[in-house]
Amino acid sequence: MVVEVHTHPDHTGRGSGLAGGLACRQHGGRVPRGFLDFSAPSNPLGVPEFLREAIEEAVELGLYEDYPDYDYRDLREAVASFYGVEPEGVVPLNGAAEALNILLLCLKSRELVVAEPTFGEHRCLAGVTGISYVPVPYREAGDYFEFPLEGLVDAARAGDAPVVLLSNPNNPTGACAELSKLGELLSALQNSLVVVDEAFVELSTTCRSALELADDYENLAILRSFTKSFGVRGLRVGFLYTSGRRLAQTLDACRQPWNVNSVASYAIAKVLRDRGRDAREYLRRSAEVVEVGRAALTEGLTELGVVVYRSHAPFVLARHTRVSARESLRRLWSRGIAVRDASSFPYLTEYHVRISVRLREDNARLLRAYRELGLG
């Protein structure tokens, strides 16, 4: 199996998705219980009580004994009503990451164009399926990463109707592409499918959702993750939305019939349907908490000599100037604190780390550890 991989001259190739390697499958969250975990972004407010109640109700009803409704009618209708979209365009997912498997394997695309750096599962899939993987780098501009609109257009037009993938806000840089630029991308690539992973958009006060564009572009697929928005990383539930009915039908037929478990499907549908006002208020408050916490982290780290990039997400990308990411992780680990080594992402360096936003006391503890350990 031959995989075509285009790399940046400064990129080491780690995590490139080459067959036989799993360097691309590096994620945060694998830390001992009791650690202060800044490695895996989530909602800093944790699981809302109304969702806990819905989960407990599903357990009390013994729904884990039954197969889910493989049509997921209630979940689709609840999602559609909550987000103001059409239920026919909703495809239930076992977390947004499942969409990558479905999209690449079922659409039989021979090429994947990706705005990098970003979440890495696609590189693993490209490697084992023989799909040509074409990374297009964000451009570092001072304390920000610019969306590579022209690069994506050029790379996609040079290929054979590829799938184009990006995350917005971007993981791990925190950059946000304006809707006008996404519209330009979609208009320029009408023969390609543009997939926008919005796992963190509901935790942002400043990044607008591509759902606003969905009705105008059938070549757009949007991924959402309740895992992040509602702080339930273990439930694994999300959805894909597209106004392209044929595309939605194809992807829905390609997913396995019971991809979302009964407890998760029931709980999320009930919350969106019956507690919609509470859910919206919780998400609004969560995004505000993220904004305040991110500003405090940015200010504190900058004072310690760390380069922190502007972010629209519940995390910041930081570049140390003296201590490598690996050494920083080792020192913080000794204090029961975990951050994400970001050096495995394409185009980033051995000095980059990603730090999630948590509540004020936790953020202050991280900054104290940075100061006392001489990190920066």
Protein backbone atom coordinates (compact mmCIF):
# COMPACT_ATOMS: atom_id res chain seq x y z
CA MET A 1 0.00 0.00 0.00
CA VAL A 2 1.44 3.36 -1.04
CA VAL A 3 0.43 6.58 0.64
CA GLU A 4 1.28 9.93 -0.86
CA VAL A 5 2.22 12.29 1.96
CA HIS A 6 3.19 15.91 1.32
CA THR A 7 5.06 17.42 4.23
CA HIS A 8 6.34 20.83 5.19
CA PRO A 9 10.16 21.11 4.96
CA ASP A 10 10.36 21.72 8.72
CA HIS A 11 8.03 18.87 9.61
CA THR A 12 9.65 15.73 11.02
CA GLY A 13 7.01 13.35 9.70
CA ARG A 14 5.90 12.18 13.14
CA GLY A 15 2.17 11.58 13.14
CA SER A 16 1.99 11.83 9.36
CA GLY A 17 -0.37 8.86 9.03
CA LEU A 18 2.08 6.55 7.30
CA ALA A 19 0.91 2.94 7.29
CA GLY A 20 2.37 0.97 10.15
CA GLY A 21 2.67 3.92 12.52
CA LEU A 22 0.26 5.13 15.17
CA ALA A 23 2.08 8.33 16.09
CA CYS A 24 -0.97 10.15 14.74
CA ARG A 25 -3.11 8.56 17.44
CA GLN A 26 -1.93 10.74 20.28
CA HIS A 27 -4.59 12.44 22.35
CA GLY A 28 -4.94 14.04 25.74
CA GLY A 29 -6.94 12.62 28.61
CA ARG A 30 -4.83 9.56 29.41
CA VAL A 31 -3.93 10.60 32.93
CA PRO A 32 -4.40 8.97 36.34
CA ARG A 33 -7.51 9.80 38.33
CA GLY A 34 -6.85 12.63 40.71
CA PHE A 35 -4.55 14.47 38.29
CA LEU A 36 -5.36 18.00 37.28
CA ASP A 37 -5.97 17.38 33.59
CA PHE A 38 -5.26 20.24 31.19
CA SER A 39 -4.50 17.79 28.36
CA ALA A 40 -8.03 17.10 27.07
CA PRO A 41 -10.28 20.11 26.32
CA SER A 42 -13.83 19.95 27.61
CA ASN A 43 -16.41 22.17 29.24
CA PRO A 44 -14.80 23.56 32.42
CA LEU A 45 -18.19 23.72 34.14
CA GLY A 46 -18.47 19.94 33.92
CA VAL A 47 -21.64 17.94 33.31
CA PRO A 48 -24.80 20.01 33.92
CA GLU A 49 -27.20 18.67 36.53
CA PHE A 50 -30.08 18.41 34.06
CA LEU A 51 -28.00 16.05 31.91
CA ARG A 52 -26.97 13.98 34.92
CA GLU A 53 -30.65 13.58 35.74
CA ALA A 54 -31.42 12.44 32.19
CA ILE A 55 -28.58 9.90 32.29
CA GLU A 56 -29.76 8.58 35.66
CA GLU A 57 -33.31 8.33 34.33
CA ALA A 58 -32.10 6.30 31.36
CA VAL A 59 -30.26 3.95 33.72
CA GLU A 60 -33.28 3.62 36.04
CA LEU A 61 -35.40 2.71 33.01
CA GLY A 62 -32.92 -0.04 32.20
CA LEU A 63 -32.38 1.25 28.66
CA TYR A 64 -28.94 -0.41 28.62
CA GLU A 65 -30.80 -3.72 28.27
CA ASP A 66 -32.29 -2.71 24.92
CA TYR A 67 -30.90 -1.94 21.51
CA PRO A 68 -31.18 1.72 20.56
CA ASP A 69 -33.65 2.66 17.85
CA TYR A 70 -31.27 2.35 14.93
CA ASP A 71 -33.13 5.11 13.10
CA TYR A 72 -32.55 7.41 16.09
CA ARG A 73 -35.75 9.26 15.27
CA ASP A 74 -36.06 10.98 18.67
CA LEU A 75 -32.40 12.03 18.69
CA ARG A 76 -32.54 13.40 15.14
CA GLU A 77 -35.70 15.39 15.80
CA ALA A 78 -34.34 16.76 19.08
CA VAL A 79 -31.09 17.85 17.41
CA ALA A 80 -32.97 19.39 14.49
CA SER A 81 -35.31 21.34 16.75
CA PHE A 82 -32.54 22.57 19.07
CA TYR A 83 -30.26 23.76 16.25
CA GLY A 84 -32.93 24.86 13.78
CA VAL A 85 -31.99 22.39 11.03
CA GLU A 86 -33.80 19.66 9.09
CA PRO A 87 -33.91 16.19 10.70
CA GLU A 88 -33.25 14.54 7.32
CA GLY A 89 -29.80 16.10 7.29
CA VAL A 90 -28.82 14.86 10.77
CA VAL A 91 -26.57 11.79 11.00
CA PRO A 92 -26.07 10.52 14.59
CA LEU A 93 -22.46 9.81 15.53
CA ASN A 94 -20.49 8.03 18.21
CA GLY A 95 -18.67 11.28 18.88
CA ALA A 96 -17.56 13.52 16.04
CA ALA A 97 -14.45 11.39 15.45
CA GLU A 98 -16.60 8.59 13.99
CA ALA A 99 -17.49 10.84 11.07
CA LEU A 100 -13.94 10.64 9.74
CA ASN A 101 -14.20 6.87 9.40
CA ILE A 102 -17.55 7.10 7.67
CA LEU A 103 -16.59 9.93 5.33
CA LEU A 104 -13.30 8.46 4.14
CA LEU A 105 -14.38 4.85 3.85
CA CYS A 106 -17.86 5.34 2.42
CA LEU A 107 -17.38 8.20 0.01
CA LYS A 108 -14.39 6.43 -1.55
CA SER A 109 -12.49 9.66 -1.94
CA ARG A 110 -8.96 9.10 -3.23
CA GLU A 111 -7.60 12.25 -1.67
CA LEU A 112 -7.92 14.09 1.61
CA VAL A 113 -6.88 17.75 1.83
CA VAL A 114 -6.45 18.93 5.41
CA ALA A 115 -5.82 22.31 7.02
CA GLU A 116 -3.03 21.43 9.44
CA PRO A 117 -2.25 21.19 12.26
CA THR A 118 -5.47 19.59 13.46
CA PHE A 119 -6.98 16.56 15.22
CA GLY A 120 -4.99 13.58 13.97
CA GLU A 121 -7.27 10.58 13.37
CA HIS A 122 -7.51 11.32 9.65
CA ARG A 123 -3.78 10.69 9.24
CA CYS A 124 -4.13 7.20 10.68
CA LEU A 125 -7.08 6.46 8.39
CA ALA A 126 -5.31 7.81 5.32
CA GLY A 127 -2.33 5.64 6.12
CA VAL A 128 -4.22 2.35 6.43
CA THR A 129 -6.64 2.95 3.54
CA GLY A 130 -4.19 4.25 0.94
CA ILE A 131 -5.91 7.61 0.59
CA SER A 132 -3.59 10.38 -0.53
CA TYR A 133 -3.16 12.83 2.33
CA VAL A 134 -2.36 16.44 1.40
CA PRO A 135 -1.68 18.77 4.36
CA VAL A 136 -2.03 22.51 3.90
CA PRO A 137 -0.43 24.53 6.73
CA TYR A 138 -1.94 27.39 8.66
CA ARG A 139 0.45 30.34 8.45
CA GLU A 140 1.87 31.53 11.75
CA ALA A 141 1.52 35.31 11.89
CA GLY A 142 2.84 36.65 15.16
CA ASP A 143 0.54 35.42 17.91
CA TYR A 144 -2.05 33.97 15.51
CA PHE A 145 -2.48 31.28 12.86
CA GLU A 146 -4.10 32.42 9.61
CA PHE A 147 -6.65 30.22 7.85
CA PRO A 148 -5.04 28.88 4.63
CA LEU A 149 -7.89 29.65 2.23
CA GLU A 150 -5.82 29.97 -0.93
CA GLY A 151 -3.70 26.93 -0.09
CA LEU A 152 -6.76 24.74 0.44
CA VAL A 153 -8.34 25.90 -2.81
CA ASP A 154 -5.16 25.29 -4.81
CA ALA A 155 -4.55 21.86 -3.26
CA ALA A 156 -8.15 20.72 -3.76
CA ARG A 157 -8.33 21.95 -7.36
CA ALA A 158 -5.14 20.07 -8.14
CA GLY A 159 -6.75 16.84 -6.96
CA ASP A 160 -9.69 14.68 -8.01
CA ALA A 161 -12.78 15.96 -6.13
CA PRO A 162 -11.19 15.45 -2.73
CA VAL A 163 -12.62 15.68 0.75
CA VAL A 164 -11.39 18.87 2.44
CA LEU A 165 -11.16 18.77 6.24
CA LEU A 166 -10.70 21.55 8.79
CA SER A 167 -11.56 22.21 12.42
CA ASN A 168 -13.13 25.49 13.50
CA PRO A 169 -12.11 26.71 16.03
CA ASN A 170 -8.96 24.93 15.05
CA ASN A 171 -7.50 22.25 17.29
CA PRO A 172 -4.78 22.85 18.49
CA THR A 173 -4.10 26.49 17.48
CA GLY A 174 -7.45 27.94 18.57
CA ALA A 175 -7.71 29.95 15.34
CA CYS A 176 -11.15 30.65 13.88
CA ALA A 177 -11.98 31.00 10.20
CA GLU A 178 -14.52 33.72 9.47
CA LEU A 179 -17.77 32.62 7.84
CA SER A 180 -16.98 34.78 4.83
CA LYS A 181 -13.79 32.76 4.21
CA LEU A 182 -15.62 29.48 4.65
CA GLY A 183 -18.18 30.71 2.13
CA GLU A 184 -15.40 31.52 -0.33
CA LEU A 185 -13.93 28.06 0.18
CA LEU A 186 -17.27 26.34 -0.42
CA SER A 187 -18.02 28.40 -3.51
CA ALA A 188 -14.58 27.73 -4.99
CA LEU A 189 -14.75 23.97 -4.34
CA GLN A 190 -18.24 23.00 -5.43
CA ASN A 191 -17.00 19.60 -6.64
CA SER A 192 -15.38 18.81 -3.29
CA LEU A 193 -16.90 18.00 0.08
CA VAL A 194 -15.82 20.46 2.77
CA VAL A 195 -16.01 19.00 6.28
CA VAL A 196 -15.91 21.44 9.21
CA ASP A 197 -15.31 19.91 12.63
CA GLU A 198 -16.99 22.20 15.16
CA ALA A 199 -16.30 20.18 18.31
CA PHE A 200 -15.47 23.35 20.28
CA VAL A 201 -17.60 26.04 18.66
CA GLU A 202 -20.28 26.00 21.37
CA LEU A 203 -17.62 26.85 23.94
CA SER A 204 -16.59 30.00 22.03
CA THR A 205 -18.06 33.47 22.31
CA THR A 206 -16.38 34.69 19.13
CA CYS A 207 -16.34 31.87 16.55
CA ARG A 208 -19.51 31.57 14.47
CA SER A 209 -20.88 28.24 13.35
CA ALA A 210 -20.91 27.04 9.76
CA LEU A 211 -24.49 25.90 10.41
CA GLU A 212 -25.33 29.43 9.26
CA LEU A 213 -24.08 28.44 5.80
CA ALA A 214 -25.54 24.94 5.63
CA ASP A 215 -28.67 25.74 3.64
CA ASP A 216 -26.65 27.45 0.91
CA TYR A 217 -24.02 24.75 0.32
CA GLU A 218 -24.79 21.09 -0.21
CA ASN A 219 -21.04 20.39 -0.34
CA LEU A 220 -20.74 21.28 3.37
CA ALA A 221 -20.77 18.76 6.22
CA ILE A 222 -20.60 20.00 9.82
CA LEU A 223 -19.52 17.87 12.78
CA ARG A 224 -20.63 18.50 16.35
CA SER A 225 -19.72 16.77 19.60
CA PHE A 226 -21.88 16.79 22.74
CA THR A 227 -18.86 15.12 24.31
CA LYS A 228 -17.10 18.48 24.54
CA SER A 229 -20.07 20.85 24.84
CA PHE A 230 -21.68 19.07 27.78
CA GLY A 231 -18.53 17.67 29.39
CA VAL A 232 -19.51 14.01 28.89
CA ARG A 233 -16.40 12.64 27.21
CA GLY A 234 -17.32 9.07 28.12
CA LEU A 235 -20.75 9.10 26.45
CA ARG A 236 -19.38 9.43 22.88
CA VAL A 237 -22.26 11.14 21.13
CA GLY A 238 -22.46 13.80 18.43
CA PHE A 239 -23.87 14.38 14.97
CA LEU A 240 -23.10 15.39 11.40
CA TYR A 241 -25.31 17.83 9.54
CA THR A 242 -25.56 18.53 5.83
CA SER A 243 -28.25 20.03 3.62
CA GLY A 244 -27.18 17.60 0.89
CA ARG A 245 -29.87 14.95 1.21
CA ARG A 246 -28.13 12.37 -0.94
CA LEU A 247 -24.95 12.82 1.07
CA ALA A 248 -26.84 12.47 4.36
CA GLN A 249 -28.53 9.28 3.15
CA THR A 250 -25.23 7.79 2.01
CA LEU A 251 -23.48 8.52 5.30
CA ASP A 252 -26.43 7.33 7.35
CA ALA A 253 -26.51 4.04 5.45
CA CYS A 254 -22.78 3.64 5.99
CA ARG A 255 -22.70 4.03 9.77
CA GLN A 256 -23.22 0.90 11.83
CA PRO A 257 -26.88 0.57 12.92
CA TRP A 258 -26.42 1.07 16.69
CA ASN A 259 -23.51 3.51 16.79
CA VAL A 260 -24.91 5.59 19.68
CA ASN A 261 -25.80 3.65 22.82
CA SER A 262 -29.28 3.72 24.32
CA VAL A 263 -28.36 5.71 27.43
CA ALA A 264 -26.54 8.45 25.50
CA SER A 265 -29.22 8.70 22.82
CA TYR A 266 -32.03 8.98 25.36
CA ALA A 267 -30.26 11.47 27.63
CA ILE A 268 -29.15 13.87 24.90
CA ALA A 269 -32.52 13.76 23.12
CA LYS A 270 -34.36 14.44 26.37
CA VAL A 271 -32.13 17.38 27.29
CA LEU A 272 -32.36 19.02 23.87
CA ARG A 273 -36.11 18.45 23.65
CA ASP A 274 -37.29 19.08 27.23
CA ARG A 275 -34.55 21.27 28.71
CA GLY A 276 -33.60 23.31 25.69
CA ARG A 277 -33.72 26.65 27.50
CA ASP A 278 -31.52 25.31 30.30
CA ALA A 279 -29.11 23.80 27.77
CA ARG A 280 -28.74 27.07 25.88
CA GLU A 281 -28.13 29.02 29.07
CA TYR A 282 -25.57 26.46 30.22
CA LEU A 283 -23.69 26.70 26.91
CA ARG A 284 -23.81 30.50 26.97
CA ARG A 285 -22.43 30.58 30.52
CA SER A 286 -19.81 27.97 29.66
CA ALA A 287 -18.48 30.02 26.74
CA GLU A 288 -18.18 33.07 28.99
CA VAL A 289 -16.30 31.08 31.63
CA VAL A 290 -13.96 29.80 28.94
CA GLU A 291 -13.28 33.34 27.70
CA VAL A 292 -12.40 34.61 31.19
CA GLY A 293 -10.25 31.56 32.02
CA ARG A 294 -8.43 31.68 28.71
CA ALA A 295 -7.57 35.34 29.22
CA ALA A 296 -6.16 34.58 32.67
CA LEU A 297 -4.06 31.69 31.36
CA THR A 298 -2.80 33.78 28.46
CA GLU A 299 -1.79 36.67 30.70
CA GLY A 300 -0.12 34.45 33.29
CA LEU A 301 1.84 32.36 30.82
CA THR A 302 2.92 35.42 28.84
CA GLU A 303 4.31 36.99 32.00
CA LEU A 304 6.46 33.88 32.43
CA GLY A 305 7.95 34.27 28.96
CA VAL A 306 5.77 31.70 27.19
CA VAL A 307 4.48 32.55 23.70
CA VAL A 308 0.68 32.13 23.73
CA TYR A 309 -1.34 32.26 20.51
CA ARG A 310 -4.70 34.01 20.28
CA SER A 311 -7.43 31.43 20.69
CA HIS A 312 -11.20 31.17 20.20
CA ALA A 313 -11.39 27.74 21.85
CA PRO A 314 -11.40 26.24 25.38
CA PHE A 315 -7.62 25.84 25.19
CA VAL A 316 -4.52 27.76 24.23
CA LEU A 317 -1.55 26.71 22.15
CA ALA A 318 1.68 27.80 23.82
CA ARG A 319 5.33 27.70 22.76
CA HIS A 320 8.00 27.46 25.40
CA THR A 321 11.20 29.37 24.79
CA ARG A 322 13.54 27.46 27.10
CA VAL A 323 12.11 24.07 28.11
CA SER A 324 10.88 21.44 25.65
CA ALA A 325 7.33 20.16 25.74
CA ARG A 326 8.47 16.71 26.81
CA GLU A 327 10.51 18.07 29.73
CA SER A 328 7.65 20.38 30.71
CA LEU A 329 5.24 17.45 30.81
CA ARG A 330 7.67 15.47 32.95
CA ARG A 331 8.04 18.26 35.49
CA LEU A 332 4.32 19.02 35.64
CA TRP A 333 3.52 15.30 35.94
CA SER A 334 5.53 15.25 39.17
CA ARG A 335 3.05 17.83 40.52
CA GLY A 336 -0.01 15.82 39.43
CA ILE A 337 -0.70 18.10 36.46
CA ALA A 338 -1.03 17.08 32.81
CA VAL A 339 -0.90 19.23 29.66
CA ARG A 340 -0.83 18.10 26.02
CA ASP A 341 2.48 17.72 24.23
CA ALA A 342 1.62 19.38 20.91
CA SER A 343 4.85 18.45 19.15
CA SER A 344 3.08 15.49 17.50
CA PHE A 345 0.91 17.86 15.45
CA PRO A 346 2.20 18.62 11.94
CA TYR A 347 4.14 21.88 11.59
CA LEU A 348 4.52 22.42 15.34
CA THR A 349 7.78 22.08 17.24
CA GLU A 350 9.17 20.25 20.25
CA TYR A 351 8.42 23.37 22.31
CA HIS A 352 4.66 23.52 21.68
CA VAL A 353 2.05 22.47 24.25
CA ARG A 354 -1.73 22.73 24.30
CA ILE A 355 -3.31 23.75 27.59
CA SER A 356 -7.03 23.42 28.24
CA VAL A 357 -9.01 26.05 30.10
CA ARG A 358 -10.30 24.98 33.49
CA LEU A 359 -11.89 26.84 36.40
CA ARG A 360 -10.08 29.73 38.09
CA GLU A 361 -8.49 27.79 40.98
CA ASP A 362 -7.18 25.09 38.66
CA ASN A 363 -5.78 27.65 36.22
CA ALA A 364 -4.05 29.42 39.11
CA ARG A 365 -2.52 26.13 40.28
CA LEU A 366 -1.10 25.50 36.81
CA LEU A 367 0.44 28.96 36.67
CA ARG A 368 2.00 28.48 40.13
CA ALA A 369 3.51 25.19 38.98
CA TYR A 370 4.89 26.85 35.84
CA ARG A 371 6.50 29.56 37.97
CA GLU A 372 7.93 27.22 40.62
CA LEU A 373 9.22 24.69 38.08
CA GLY A 374 10.90 27.33 35.93
CA LEU A 375 8.94 26.49 32.81
CA GLY A 376 8.74 28.84 29.91
